[in-house]
Amino acid sequence: MSHPYYDLAFTPTVCALQERDGSRAHYGGADDAPGDARLGPQEVAFIEAADHFFQASVGETGWPYVQHRGGPAGFLKVLDARTIGFADLAGNRQFISLGNLTKDGRIALIIMDWVCKRRLKLMGRVRIADDAATLARLAVPGQARVERAYLISVEGYDWNCPQHITQRYTRASVERALAPLRQQVEDLQRALSETARPAPLALGQGPLHLTVSALRQVSPTVRAYTLVRADGAPLPPVAPGAHLEVPVRLPDGQEVLRHYSIMPAPGAGAAWEIAVQRALRRGAPTQGAASAIHAQWTLGLSLRVAAPRNHFALHEDARPALLLAAGIGVTPIRTMAIALQAQGRPYAFHFGVRDHADAALAAHDGTAVQVYASADGARMDVAALIGAAPDGTVVYACGPEAFIAQATAAAGARGLVLCVERFAAAAPREGERAFSVTLANSGKVLTVAPGTSILEAVERAGVRAPAACRTGDCRTCATTCLEGEPEHRDHCLSAHAKEQDKQMCICVSRAQGAALTLAL
């Protein structure tokens, strides 16, 4: 099969120039592309989120005419998999586009997303309609009177390289970003004033000595920290999906370990970067690790950490990758996209956020990404994206539990390989009860309250237990249960490990009864 867009755009002269330049082989994969121009979930979401586009028509003199069309997001509507349409409003009296398209219905569109550096090129044929039903279907509340409708039958489309697209933001997106930033300044000032003691000069006891060399405010909720070796030596590159356990001093003085995905630091060579998200809404908890990092970590802070580990590794063969991220779960997914793009391997990257301001983590590195901002009414259809993925695709998903559950169900229905990483453990289940845990090695008896994990109770008792993900994905905290019946909530232990070896992941699992005894 041929590529519909290339069939229209690659004339004999164009092909001859490609052959002469040596670029013709780059488009050899067109023969494997779908043989029609049906819009997929990615294209539908992109088109329906657009608030403007550029269109070109051809006049009777043979000259092209380019026109800009704009309106509220959603004014360009997808009517079916081969048809899009928009309303032509009262007020335009030049009729250049209308005259051109009445004579020659061929039209070309470029639809832009300046924030995420994306553009979709589309060719089609226009039919002008003025019946009441069509006008009502394409009308947008609050706009001027609709005089006619443009119905475009899609003949072909193609996504453009984002390399030379200038990143721009709308006034609305900037205003939405500034409001929580003002709140963040207030919260930071209050947190600093409430801190009774200065931040420690050094944290942790690991063999690798790092310092914080730079900070950047990525979004209203996310701050990134650049980490370098204290001795000035370059840090080794790490594979996509790797994470770093960092020590955090909580306000009560307790030092805990939390893991964050390692990202390449912009313009910093082999340095590492981690991104930490902190809630900004009033009344949000201020005692967590993320809040402590935002309040305490300053330039020059010394960290002693263990070597990075990777429980979310990227496959190395030629299978395509479907990268799905929600919220701060984008940090490992973005690193995968950077690696895949650099290697020229096939991938699709989709990112769900509350607001476009939160998309900055994925928008500055040139990777091709489709962003879905729920504040604008755009939501990622995880099931549709996985359902449309090519056979053999490896799906990667990182985000909250409900997001992971959607990906798990959809990938299972397709029989696709799914790799997941959770950035938070599942919320406590309704009706959780307190239970006791006896630590066999020390004889300590702990009470694990509802909403508290065994691991947290163990750490608060001053007992050091190995741990990494804290979401039940990596088995680092797997511990032998000597007495009692565990309620397993992990996603990593095998049936043999649970039943024969009596292992349980104490970061998420609980007791079925009133008590457990652990080999700690």
Protein backbone atom coordinates (compact mmCIF):
# COMPACT_ATOMS: atom_id res chain seq x y z
CA MET A 1 0.00 0.00 0.00
CA SER A 2 1.07 3.61 -0.53
CA HIS A 3 1.00 6.62 1.77
CA PRO A 4 -1.98 8.84 0.83
CA TYR A 5 -0.27 12.13 1.68
CA TYR A 6 2.93 11.19 -0.15
CA ASP A 7 0.90 10.09 -3.18
CA LEU A 8 -0.48 13.63 -3.41
CA ALA A 9 2.68 15.56 -2.51
CA PHE A 10 5.45 13.49 -4.11
CA THR A 11 5.09 14.36 -7.78
CA PRO A 12 7.58 12.95 -10.32
CA THR A 13 9.63 16.14 -10.07
CA VAL A 14 9.69 15.95 -6.27
CA CYS A 15 10.72 12.30 -6.36
CA ALA A 16 13.49 13.07 -8.85
CA LEU A 17 14.88 15.75 -6.54
CA GLN A 18 14.73 13.34 -3.59
CA GLU A 19 16.64 10.76 -5.62
CA ARG A 20 19.28 13.33 -6.57
CA ASP A 21 19.63 14.49 -2.96
CA GLY A 22 19.74 10.96 -1.53
CA SER A 23 16.71 11.52 0.70
CA ARG A 24 14.37 9.26 -1.25
CA ALA A 25 15.28 6.21 0.84
CA HIS A 26 14.08 8.05 3.96
CA TYR A 27 10.51 7.67 2.70
CA GLY A 28 10.79 3.99 1.81
CA GLY A 29 8.55 3.09 4.74
CA ALA A 30 5.63 4.72 2.95
CA ASP A 31 4.88 1.40 1.30
CA ASP A 32 4.07 -0.05 4.72
CA ALA A 33 1.73 2.80 5.72
CA PRO A 34 -2.08 2.43 5.84
CA GLY A 35 -3.69 2.63 2.41
CA ASP A 36 -6.31 5.20 3.41
CA ALA A 37 -6.47 8.56 5.13
CA ARG A 38 -8.59 7.69 8.13
CA LEU A 39 -7.87 9.82 11.18
CA GLY A 40 -6.66 7.90 14.22
CA PRO A 41 -7.11 8.75 17.94
CA GLN A 42 -3.95 10.87 17.93
CA GLU A 43 -5.10 12.96 14.96
CA VAL A 44 -8.66 13.34 16.28
CA ALA A 45 -7.45 14.59 19.67
CA PHE A 46 -5.01 17.02 18.05
CA ILE A 47 -7.55 18.47 15.63
CA GLU A 48 -10.29 18.88 18.24
CA ALA A 49 -7.89 20.70 20.58
CA ALA A 50 -6.82 23.23 17.91
CA ASP A 51 -7.85 26.87 18.18
CA HIS A 52 -6.46 27.92 14.79
CA PHE A 53 -5.01 26.65 11.54
CA PHE A 54 -3.70 27.85 8.17
CA GLN A 55 -5.41 26.85 4.94
CA ALA A 56 -4.33 27.12 1.32
CA SER A 57 -6.54 27.11 -1.77
CA VAL A 58 -5.77 27.62 -5.47
CA GLY A 59 -7.23 30.50 -7.47
CA GLU A 60 -8.19 30.59 -11.14
CA THR A 61 -4.93 32.42 -11.89
CA GLY A 62 -3.01 29.41 -10.57
CA TRP A 63 -1.71 31.34 -7.56
CA PRO A 64 -2.18 29.82 -4.07
CA TYR A 65 -3.99 31.79 -1.38
CA VAL A 66 -3.18 31.19 2.30
CA GLN A 67 -5.69 32.14 4.97
CA HIS A 68 -5.61 31.95 8.78
CA ARG A 69 -8.65 30.56 10.57
CA GLY A 70 -9.16 30.84 14.32
CA GLY A 71 -11.72 30.30 17.03
CA PRO A 72 -12.19 28.67 20.42
CA ALA A 73 -10.68 25.21 20.89
CA GLY A 74 -13.02 22.74 19.24
CA PHE A 75 -14.29 24.99 16.45
CA LEU A 76 -12.61 22.62 13.99
CA LYS A 77 -14.64 19.44 14.38
CA VAL A 78 -14.01 15.82 13.43
CA LEU A 79 -17.25 14.51 11.96
CA ASP A 80 -15.99 11.01 11.16
CA ALA A 81 -12.70 9.25 10.42
CA ARG A 82 -12.50 10.85 6.96
CA THR A 83 -14.29 14.18 7.44
CA ILE A 84 -13.58 17.38 9.34
CA GLY A 85 -15.53 20.63 9.20
CA PHE A 86 -15.81 24.17 10.47
CA ALA A 87 -18.29 27.03 10.30
CA ASP A 88 -17.78 30.10 8.09
CA LEU A 89 -19.05 33.11 10.03
CA ALA A 90 -20.70 36.30 8.86
CA GLY A 91 -18.38 39.27 8.23
CA ASN A 92 -15.92 38.08 5.58
CA ARG A 93 -16.74 39.83 2.31
CA GLN A 94 -13.57 39.24 0.25
CA PHE A 95 -14.67 35.67 -0.59
CA ILE A 96 -11.20 34.72 -1.88
CA SER A 97 -11.10 31.32 -0.21
CA LEU A 98 -14.77 30.71 -0.89
CA GLY A 99 -14.34 31.61 -4.57
CA ASN A 100 -11.24 29.44 -4.94
CA LEU A 101 -12.83 26.44 -3.25
CA THR A 102 -16.08 26.82 -5.18
CA LYS A 103 -14.10 26.50 -8.41
CA ASP A 104 -11.47 23.99 -7.19
CA GLY A 105 -12.28 22.11 -3.98
CA ARG A 106 -8.71 21.10 -3.18
CA ILE A 107 -7.46 22.46 0.16
CA ALA A 108 -4.33 22.08 2.28
CA LEU A 109 -4.23 22.70 6.05
CA ILE A 110 -1.45 23.12 8.58
CA ILE A 111 -2.67 22.75 12.17
CA MET A 112 -0.25 23.99 14.84
CA ASP A 113 0.40 23.32 18.51
CA TRP A 114 3.04 25.93 19.37
CA VAL A 115 3.37 24.92 23.02
CA CYS A 116 4.33 21.32 22.27
CA LYS A 117 5.98 22.05 18.89
CA ARG A 118 3.66 19.89 16.81
CA ARG A 119 2.10 20.38 13.38
CA LEU A 120 -0.23 18.26 11.31
CA LYS A 121 -0.33 18.74 7.53
CA LEU A 122 -3.54 17.67 5.84
CA MET A 123 -4.90 17.64 2.27
CA GLY A 124 -8.52 17.21 1.29
CA ARG A 125 -11.44 18.27 -0.81
CA VAL A 126 -14.01 20.81 0.33
CA ARG A 127 -17.77 20.69 -0.02
CA ILE A 128 -19.67 23.87 0.89
CA ALA A 129 -22.90 23.23 2.79
CA ASP A 130 -25.61 25.61 4.00
CA ASP A 131 -28.37 23.30 5.23
CA ALA A 132 -29.66 24.03 8.72
CA ALA A 133 -28.63 20.69 10.24
CA THR A 134 -24.98 21.00 9.15
CA LEU A 135 -24.77 24.66 10.21
CA ALA A 136 -26.14 23.80 13.65
CA ARG A 137 -23.71 20.89 14.00
CA LEU A 138 -20.68 23.11 13.33
CA ALA A 139 -21.84 26.24 15.17
CA VAL A 140 -19.91 27.31 18.27
CA PRO A 141 -21.83 29.05 21.09
CA GLY A 142 -21.01 32.75 21.40
CA GLN A 143 -19.74 33.18 17.85
CA ALA A 144 -21.23 35.26 15.05
CA ARG A 145 -23.95 33.97 12.75
CA VAL A 146 -22.93 30.97 10.66
CA GLU A 147 -23.35 31.60 6.92
CA ARG A 148 -22.02 28.33 5.52
CA ALA A 149 -20.08 25.22 6.47
CA TYR A 150 -16.84 23.86 5.05
CA LEU A 151 -16.82 20.04 5.00
CA ILE A 152 -13.38 18.61 4.20
CA SER A 153 -12.99 15.06 2.97
CA VAL A 154 -9.50 14.06 4.10
CA GLU A 155 -7.33 12.72 1.28
CA GLY A 156 -4.06 12.42 3.22
CA TYR A 157 -2.14 13.77 6.23
CA ASP A 158 1.35 13.73 7.67
CA TRP A 159 3.04 14.85 10.91
CA ASN A 160 5.94 17.29 10.59
CA CYS A 161 9.29 17.28 12.36
CA PRO A 162 9.17 19.68 15.37
CA GLN A 163 12.81 20.75 15.13
CA HIS A 164 12.32 24.28 13.75
CA ILE A 165 8.95 25.15 15.31
CA THR A 166 9.26 28.19 17.59
CA GLN A 167 7.66 27.51 20.94
CA ARG A 168 4.92 30.03 21.80
CA TYR A 169 2.30 30.29 24.52
CA THR A 170 -1.17 31.82 24.55
CA ARG A 171 -2.12 34.60 26.93
CA ALA A 172 -4.58 32.25 28.64
CA SER A 173 -1.93 29.58 29.24
CA VAL A 174 0.48 32.16 30.68
CA GLU A 175 -2.18 33.61 32.96
CA ARG A 176 -3.10 30.14 34.20
CA ALA A 177 0.58 29.46 34.90
CA LEU A 178 1.12 32.72 36.81
CA ALA A 179 -1.75 32.24 39.25
CA PRO A 180 -0.35 29.11 40.95
CA LEU A 181 3.18 30.56 40.82
CA ARG A 182 2.05 33.42 43.04
CA GLN A 183 0.54 30.84 45.38
CA GLN A 184 3.80 28.90 45.31
CA VAL A 185 5.80 31.97 46.36
CA GLU A 186 3.48 32.46 49.33
CA ASP A 187 3.75 28.79 50.30
CA LEU A 188 7.55 28.83 49.99
CA GLN A 189 7.82 31.95 52.12
CA ARG A 190 5.57 30.41 54.76
CA ALA A 191 7.46 27.10 54.71
CA LEU A 192 10.81 28.87 55.11
CA SER A 193 9.54 31.00 57.97
CA GLU A 194 8.15 27.92 59.74
CA THR A 195 11.40 25.93 59.44
CA ALA A 196 12.94 25.95 62.90
CA ARG A 197 16.38 24.77 61.79
CA PRO A 198 18.47 25.36 58.67
CA ALA A 199 18.73 22.73 55.99
CA PRO A 200 21.44 20.19 56.78
CA LEU A 201 24.75 20.54 55.00
CA ALA A 202 24.71 16.87 54.01
CA LEU A 203 22.13 14.11 53.73
CA GLY A 204 22.48 10.36 53.28
CA GLN A 205 25.11 7.71 53.79
CA GLY A 206 25.56 6.21 50.32
CA PRO A 207 28.90 5.77 48.52
CA LEU A 208 28.17 8.26 45.70
CA HIS A 209 28.70 11.89 46.75
CA LEU A 210 26.55 14.40 44.82
CA THR A 211 25.76 18.07 45.17
CA VAL A 212 22.87 20.19 43.89
CA SER A 213 24.36 22.42 41.19
CA ALA A 214 21.24 24.03 39.70
CA LEU A 215 17.50 24.44 40.25
CA ARG A 216 14.83 25.36 37.73
CA GLN A 217 11.11 25.88 38.10
CA VAL A 218 9.72 23.66 35.35
CA SER A 219 6.06 24.40 36.04
CA PRO A 220 3.95 25.84 38.85
CA THR A 221 4.07 22.46 40.62
CA VAL A 222 7.39 20.94 39.52
CA ARG A 223 10.96 21.93 40.41
CA ALA A 224 13.96 20.23 38.82
CA TYR A 225 17.31 19.73 40.56
CA THR A 226 20.58 19.20 38.68
CA LEU A 227 22.97 16.83 40.48
CA VAL A 228 26.72 16.58 39.87
CA ARG A 229 29.53 14.69 41.53
CA ALA A 230 31.06 16.54 44.45
CA ASP A 231 34.57 15.83 43.18
CA GLY A 232 33.80 17.34 39.76
CA ALA A 233 34.13 14.07 37.84
CA PRO A 234 31.46 13.44 35.18
CA LEU A 235 28.55 11.24 36.13
CA PRO A 236 28.04 8.16 33.98
CA PRO A 237 25.10 8.09 31.55
CA VAL A 238 22.15 6.05 32.74
CA ALA A 239 19.61 4.07 30.76
CA PRO A 240 16.07 5.42 30.32
CA GLY A 241 13.83 4.39 33.23
CA ALA A 242 16.58 4.44 35.85
CA HIS A 243 15.86 6.03 39.21
CA LEU A 244 17.88 7.44 42.08
CA GLU A 245 17.13 6.99 45.77
CA VAL A 246 17.70 10.31 47.50
CA PRO A 247 17.74 11.05 51.24
CA VAL A 248 15.10 13.47 52.51
CA ARG A 249 14.92 15.10 55.95
CA LEU A 250 11.28 15.36 57.03
CA PRO A 251 10.14 18.23 59.27
CA ASP A 252 10.04 15.87 62.28
CA GLY A 253 13.77 15.21 61.83
CA GLN A 254 13.41 11.72 60.36
CA GLU A 255 15.55 10.95 57.33
CA VAL A 256 13.87 8.79 54.68
CA LEU A 257 14.73 7.61 51.18
CA ARG A 258 12.59 8.47 48.17
CA HIS A 259 13.21 7.55 44.54
CA TYR A 260 12.97 9.83 41.52
CA SER A 261 13.49 9.09 37.84
CA ILE A 262 16.78 10.35 36.40
CA MET A 263 16.49 12.71 33.44
CA PRO A 264 19.28 14.17 31.30
CA ALA A 265 20.05 17.66 32.58
CA PRO A 266 19.67 20.32 29.84
CA GLY A 267 23.05 21.72 28.83
CA ALA A 268 24.82 20.02 31.72
CA GLY A 269 26.72 17.24 29.97
CA ALA A 270 26.67 14.02 31.94
CA ALA A 271 24.95 15.53 34.98
CA TRP A 272 21.69 14.10 36.24
CA GLU A 273 18.40 15.83 36.91
CA ILE A 274 15.39 14.83 39.00
CA ALA A 275 11.99 16.54 39.01
CA VAL A 276 9.95 16.85 42.20
CA GLN A 277 6.26 17.74 42.19
CA ARG A 278 4.71 19.52 45.14
CA ALA A 279 1.00 20.23 45.67
CA LEU A 280 0.19 23.95 45.64
CA ARG A 281 -3.43 23.99 46.74
CA ARG A 282 -4.18 25.42 50.16
CA GLY A 283 -4.67 22.79 52.82
CA ALA A 284 -2.52 20.21 51.01
CA PRO A 285 -0.21 18.11 53.20
CA THR A 286 3.10 19.85 53.97
CA GLN A 287 4.83 17.00 55.80
CA GLY A 288 5.70 14.82 52.79
CA ALA A 289 9.07 14.23 51.17
CA ALA A 290 8.30 16.39 48.12
CA SER A 291 7.42 19.38 50.31
CA ALA A 292 10.57 18.83 52.35
CA ILE A 293 12.72 18.80 49.20
CA HIS A 294 11.13 22.01 47.91
CA ALA A 295 11.63 23.71 51.26
CA GLN A 296 15.16 22.49 52.07
CA TRP A 297 17.16 21.68 48.95
CA THR A 298 19.37 24.59 47.97
CA LEU A 299 22.41 25.09 45.75
CA GLY A 300 25.41 23.24 47.14
CA LEU A 301 23.40 20.78 49.23
CA SER A 302 25.41 17.57 49.68
CA LEU A 303 23.80 14.17 49.07
CA ARG A 304 25.32 10.74 49.58
CA VAL A 305 23.36 8.18 47.59
CA ALA A 306 23.50 4.62 46.27
CA ALA A 307 24.10 3.89 42.60
CA PRO A 308 21.03 4.26 40.34
CA ARG A 309 18.79 1.27 39.69
CA ASN A 310 16.39 0.50 36.87
CA HIS A 311 13.14 -1.43 37.22
CA PHE A 312 11.56 0.24 34.17
CA ALA A 313 14.03 -0.47 31.39
CA LEU A 314 13.37 0.30 27.71
CA HIS A 315 13.42 -2.62 25.28
CA GLU A 316 16.40 -2.71 22.91
CA ASP A 317 14.98 -4.34 19.76
CA ALA A 318 13.20 -2.79 16.78
CA ARG A 319 9.63 -3.12 18.09
CA PRO A 320 7.76 0.23 18.18
CA ALA A 321 7.09 1.84 21.54
CA LEU A 322 3.90 3.51 22.75
CA LEU A 323 4.78 5.91 25.58
CA LEU A 324 1.90 6.96 27.87
CA ALA A 325 2.37 9.36 30.79
CA ALA A 326 0.13 11.21 33.19
CA GLY A 327 1.27 14.05 35.43
CA ILE A 328 4.70 13.68 37.03
CA GLY A 329 4.78 10.15 35.58
CA VAL A 330 6.22 11.80 32.47
CA THR A 331 9.75 11.93 33.92
CA PRO A 332 10.86 8.38 32.94
CA ILE A 333 8.66 8.38 29.81
CA ARG A 334 10.21 11.61 28.51
CA THR A 335 13.69 10.14 28.93
CA MET A 336 12.60 7.12 26.89
CA ALA A 337 11.28 9.41 24.13
CA ILE A 338 14.60 11.30 24.00
CA ALA A 339 16.52 8.02 23.65
CA LEU A 340 14.18 6.58 21.01
CA GLN A 341 14.29 9.75 18.93
CA ALA A 342 18.10 9.92 19.12
CA GLN A 343 18.30 6.28 17.98
CA GLY A 344 15.79 6.75 15.16
CA ARG A 345 13.49 4.07 16.60
CA PRO A 346 9.69 4.22 16.12
CA TYR A 347 7.62 5.58 19.00
CA ALA A 348 4.52 7.59 19.86
CA PHE A 349 4.49 9.76 23.00
CA HIS A 350 1.23 10.85 24.71
CA PHE A 351 1.11 13.00 27.84
CA GLY A 352 -1.92 13.86 29.99
CA VAL A 353 -1.80 17.00 32.18
CA ARG A 354 -4.20 19.27 34.02
CA ASP A 355 -3.03 22.35 32.12
CA HIS A 356 -0.65 23.09 29.25
CA ALA A 357 1.64 24.85 31.75
CA ASP A 358 2.31 21.42 33.27
CA ALA A 359 3.53 20.08 29.92
CA ALA A 360 6.88 21.88 30.11
CA LEU A 361 8.73 18.73 31.22
CA ALA A 362 8.09 17.19 27.81
CA ALA A 363 8.02 20.25 25.58
CA HIS A 364 11.56 21.63 25.42
CA ASP A 365 13.67 18.76 24.14
CA GLY A 366 12.36 18.37 20.58
CA THR A 367 10.63 15.03 21.07
CA ALA A 368 7.32 14.52 19.28
CA VAL A 369 4.61 14.51 21.96
CA GLN A 370 0.82 14.78 21.98
CA VAL A 371 -0.37 16.65 25.07
CA TYR A 372 -3.89 16.36 26.48
CA ALA A 373 -4.79 19.20 28.89
CA SER A 374 -7.92 18.40 30.90
CA ALA A 375 -8.41 22.12 31.66
CA ASP A 376 -9.05 22.55 27.93
CA GLY A 377 -11.40 19.57 27.78
CA ALA A 378 -8.86 17.24 26.16
CA ARG A 379 -8.43 13.82 27.75
CA MET A 380 -6.22 10.97 26.69
CA ASP A 381 -8.17 7.92 25.52
CA VAL A 382 -5.76 5.25 26.74
CA ALA A 383 -7.84 2.36 25.43
CA ALA A 384 -8.15 3.89 21.93
CA LEU A 385 -4.42 4.64 21.70
CA ILE A 386 -3.45 1.12 22.71
CA GLY A 387 -6.16 -0.32 20.48
CA ALA A 388 -4.74 1.53 17.47
CA ALA A 389 -1.09 0.61 18.17
CA PRO A 390 0.65 -1.62 15.58
CA ASP A 391 0.98 -5.31 16.42
CA GLY A 392 4.09 -6.01 18.45
CA THR A 393 4.16 -2.56 20.06
CA VAL A 394 5.64 -2.40 23.57
CA VAL A 395 3.51 -0.13 25.76
CA TYR A 396 5.06 1.92 28.59
CA ALA A 397 2.83 3.67 31.10
CA CYS A 398 3.61 5.77 34.17
CA GLY A 399 1.05 7.66 36.20
CA PRO A 400 -1.58 7.27 38.93
CA GLU A 401 -3.25 3.96 39.68
CA ALA A 402 -6.44 4.59 37.67
CA PHE A 403 -4.32 5.48 34.63
CA ILE A 404 -2.23 2.31 35.03
CA ALA A 405 -5.42 0.23 35.38
CA GLN A 406 -6.75 1.56 32.04
CA ALA A 407 -3.47 0.74 30.31
CA THR A 408 -3.36 -2.73 31.86
CA ALA A 409 -6.86 -3.59 30.69
CA ALA A 410 -6.33 -2.24 27.16
CA ALA A 411 -2.93 -3.89 26.67
CA GLY A 412 -4.31 -7.18 27.96
CA ALA A 413 -7.18 -7.04 25.47
CA ARG A 414 -4.69 -6.48 22.62
CA GLY A 415 -2.15 -9.00 23.87
CA LEU A 416 0.59 -6.33 23.90
CA VAL A 417 3.57 -6.22 26.24
CA LEU A 418 2.97 -3.59 28.94
CA CYS A 419 5.65 -2.11 31.22
CA VAL A 420 4.45 0.18 34.01
CA GLU A 421 5.84 2.35 36.77
CA ARG A 422 3.69 3.93 39.43
CA PHE A 423 4.81 7.19 41.02
CA ALA A 424 2.59 6.61 44.06
CA ALA A 425 1.14 3.64 45.84
CA ALA A 426 -2.57 2.93 45.52
CA ALA A 427 -4.81 4.88 47.86
CA PRO A 428 -5.86 3.13 51.11
CA ARG A 429 -8.83 0.84 50.64
CA GLU A 430 -12.07 1.50 52.42
CA GLY A 431 -12.37 -0.40 55.67
CA GLU A 432 -8.65 -0.87 56.33
CA ARG A 433 -7.91 -1.97 59.91
CA ALA A 434 -4.91 -1.50 62.15
CA PHE A 435 -2.79 -4.58 62.85
CA SER A 436 0.41 -5.43 64.71
CA VAL A 437 3.77 -6.46 63.28
CA THR A 438 6.45 -8.24 65.30
CA LEU A 439 10.03 -7.83 64.07
CA ALA A 440 11.64 -11.19 64.81
CA ASN A 441 15.25 -9.96 64.84
CA SER A 442 14.71 -7.22 67.42
CA GLY A 443 11.51 -8.32 69.14
CA LYS A 444 9.90 -4.93 68.48
CA VAL A 445 6.11 -4.94 68.16
CA LEU A 446 4.69 -2.20 65.92
CA THR A 447 1.17 -1.02 65.24
CA VAL A 448 0.41 -0.35 61.57
CA ALA A 449 -2.44 2.13 61.35
CA PRO A 450 -4.92 2.37 58.45
CA GLY A 451 -3.39 4.35 55.61
CA THR A 452 0.15 3.62 56.84
CA SER A 453 2.36 0.99 55.21
CA ILE A 454 4.36 -1.63 57.10
CA LEU A 455 7.50 -0.12 55.62
CA GLU A 456 6.64 3.32 56.99
CA ALA A 457 5.95 1.86 60.43
CA VAL A 458 9.27 -0.02 60.35
CA GLU A 459 11.21 3.10 59.36
CA ARG A 460 9.54 5.19 62.06
CA ALA A 461 10.66 2.58 64.59
CA GLY A 462 14.26 3.23 63.58
CA VAL A 463 14.70 -0.05 61.72
CA ARG A 464 16.37 0.25 58.31
CA ALA A 465 14.69 -1.92 55.67
CA PRO A 466 15.66 -2.09 51.99
CA ALA A 467 13.17 -0.29 49.76
CA ALA A 468 12.99 1.43 46.40
CA CYS A 469 9.77 2.03 44.47
CA ARG A 470 7.32 2.02 47.43
CA THR A 471 4.54 1.15 44.97
CA GLY A 472 4.82 -2.65 44.90
CA ASP A 473 6.61 -2.82 41.55
CA CYS A 474 10.27 -3.64 42.24
CA ARG A 475 10.39 -6.32 45.05
CA THR A 476 13.30 -4.55 46.78
CA CYS A 477 11.42 -4.54 50.09
CA ALA A 478 10.30 -8.20 49.84
CA THR A 479 10.46 -9.68 53.35
CA THR A 480 9.83 -13.18 54.72
CA CYS A 481 6.59 -13.49 56.69
CA LEU A 482 7.20 -15.95 59.55
CA GLU A 483 3.69 -15.91 61.02
CA GLY A 484 0.29 -14.59 59.94
CA GLU A 485 -1.43 -14.26 56.56
CA PRO A 486 -0.36 -11.38 54.30
CA GLU A 487 -2.82 -9.49 52.12
CA HIS A 488 -0.70 -9.15 48.98
CA ARG A 489 -1.07 -5.88 47.07
CA ASP A 490 2.16 -5.90 45.07
CA HIS A 491 2.55 -6.21 41.30
CA CYS A 492 5.89 -8.01 41.16
CA LEU A 493 6.10 -11.17 43.32
CA SER A 494 5.43 -14.54 41.71
CA ALA A 495 2.95 -17.03 43.14
CA HIS A 496 5.88 -19.22 44.19
CA ALA A 497 7.53 -16.33 46.05
CA LYS A 498 4.30 -15.61 47.90
CA GLU A 499 3.16 -19.15 48.66
CA GLN A 500 6.37 -21.17 48.95
CA ASP A 501 8.94 -18.56 50.01
CA LYS A 502 6.43 -16.65 52.19
CA GLN A 503 7.58 -13.32 50.74
CA MET A 504 5.58 -10.08 50.92
CA CYS A 505 6.26 -6.53 49.78
CA ILE A 506 5.97 -4.47 52.94
CA CYS A 507 5.66 -1.16 51.04
CA VAL A 508 2.07 -1.93 49.98
CA SER A 509 0.88 -5.28 51.39
CA ARG A 510 -0.93 -5.65 54.71
CA ALA A 511 -2.22 -8.32 57.08
CA GLN A 512 -5.38 -10.32 56.53
CA GLY A 513 -5.70 -10.86 60.27
CA ALA A 514 -4.67 -9.02 63.40
CA ALA A 515 -0.93 -9.70 63.36
CA LEU A 516 2.16 -10.61 61.34
CA THR A 517 5.69 -11.64 62.30
CA LEU A 518 8.42 -10.61 59.86
CA ALA A 519 12.06 -11.62 59.48
CA LEU A 520 13.31 -8.11 60.26
